[in-house]
Amino acid sequence: MKVSVWDTYVKREGGLVMHFDILVDSKLTDETTIFDFGNNYIKTKSFNSEDLTSKECAFCHIENASELVTKEIETTGYYIIEMENCN
């Protein structure tokens, strides 16, 4: 599966910035849906953070997904790669 990678930076409490990627099927282009996926992920965290908007999240590139990522996207619609300050 080809996936679109959306590079995301969101301020969280304490002044840190969470950096994570949202991966979705490359056929999905609706930004509102992609931002909803990111906000759903943010809600799973035990700390407060800003909501995700186009200011914090932007399309980066398309790549081939691993089998694990493909299965998760087929199940939930998206996959998150945590990069910095996500825990």
Protein backbone atom coordinates (compact mmCIF):
# COMPACT_ATOMS: atom_id res chain seq x y z
CA MET A 1 0.00 0.00 0.00
CA LYS A 2 1.19 3.52 -0.75
CA VAL A 3 0.69 5.88 2.18
CA SER A 4 0.75 9.62 2.58
CA VAL A 5 2.88 10.86 5.45
CA TRP A 6 1.62 13.96 7.28
CA ASP A 7 4.32 15.60 9.39
CA THR A 8 2.79 16.92 12.61
CA TYR A 9 3.98 19.21 15.41
CA VAL A 10 1.62 20.05 18.30
CA LYS A 11 2.37 22.09 21.42
CA ARG A 12 1.70 20.25 24.65
CA GLU A 13 1.61 21.38 28.25
CA GLY A 14 4.97 22.22 29.75
CA GLY A 15 6.17 23.92 26.58
CA LEU A 16 7.21 20.74 24.78
CA VAL A 17 6.29 20.09 21.16
CA MET A 18 4.99 16.68 20.18
CA HIS A 19 6.29 15.51 16.79
CA PHE A 20 4.56 12.60 15.11
CA ASP A 21 3.64 11.41 11.64
CA ILE A 22 0.13 10.45 10.57
CA LEU A 23 0.15 7.79 7.84
CA VAL A 24 -2.97 7.27 5.73
CA ASP A 25 -3.81 5.53 2.46
CA SER A 26 -2.46 7.76 -0.30
CA LYS A 27 -5.95 7.85 -1.83
CA LEU A 28 -7.24 9.73 1.22
CA THR A 29 -6.86 13.45 0.63
CA ASP A 30 -9.54 14.94 2.90
CA GLU A 31 -7.58 17.06 5.39
CA THR A 32 -10.46 17.20 7.89
CA THR A 33 -10.44 13.41 8.17
CA ILE A 34 -6.65 13.32 8.54
CA PHE A 35 -6.73 16.04 11.22
CA ASP A 36 -9.48 14.09 13.03
CA PHE A 37 -7.19 11.04 13.08
CA GLY A 38 -4.45 13.18 14.63
CA ASN A 39 -6.80 14.66 17.22
CA ASN A 40 -8.07 11.17 18.10
CA TYR A 41 -4.47 10.12 18.71
CA ILE A 42 -3.77 13.23 20.83
CA LYS A 43 -6.80 12.45 23.01
CA THR A 44 -5.19 9.13 24.02
CA LYS A 45 -2.38 11.01 25.76
CA SER A 46 -2.34 11.68 29.51
CA PHE A 47 -1.29 15.32 29.05
CA ASN A 48 -3.04 18.33 27.54
CA SER A 49 -2.11 19.70 24.14
CA GLU A 50 -3.41 22.02 21.47
CA ASP A 51 -5.81 20.78 18.80
CA LEU A 52 -4.32 19.83 15.49
CA THR A 53 -4.94 22.10 12.48
CA SER A 54 -3.34 22.74 9.10
CA LYS A 55 -0.85 24.99 10.93
CA GLU A 56 0.56 21.97 12.80
CA CYS A 57 0.09 19.24 10.22
CA ALA A 58 1.21 19.17 6.59
CA PHE A 59 1.55 16.61 3.83
CA CYS A 60 5.18 15.53 3.55
CA HIS A 61 5.56 12.65 1.07
CA ILE A 62 4.27 9.27 -0.17
CA GLU A 63 6.00 6.00 0.63
CA ASN A 64 5.37 2.26 0.60
CA ALA A 65 3.92 0.93 3.85
CA SER A 66 5.09 -2.12 5.74
CA GLU A 67 2.68 -4.99 6.34
CA LEU A 68 2.12 -3.85 9.94
CA VAL A 69 1.27 -0.28 8.87
CA THR A 70 -0.98 -1.53 6.07
CA LYS A 71 -2.96 -3.74 8.48
CA GLU A 72 -3.42 -0.88 10.97
CA ILE A 73 -4.58 1.51 8.24
CA GLU A 74 -7.02 -1.09 6.93
CA THR A 75 -8.40 -1.50 10.47
CA THR A 76 -8.45 2.06 11.84
CA GLY A 77 -7.83 4.28 8.82
CA TYR A 78 -4.47 5.59 9.99
CA TYR A 79 -1.16 4.79 11.65
CA ILE A 80 0.90 7.03 13.95
CA ILE A 81 4.69 7.13 14.12
CA GLU A 82 5.77 8.83 17.33
CA MET A 83 8.90 10.93 16.83
CA GLU A 84 9.46 13.31 19.79
CA ASN A 85 7.79 14.17 23.11
CA CYS A 86 4.81 11.87 22.56
CA ASN A 87 4.97 10.19 25.96
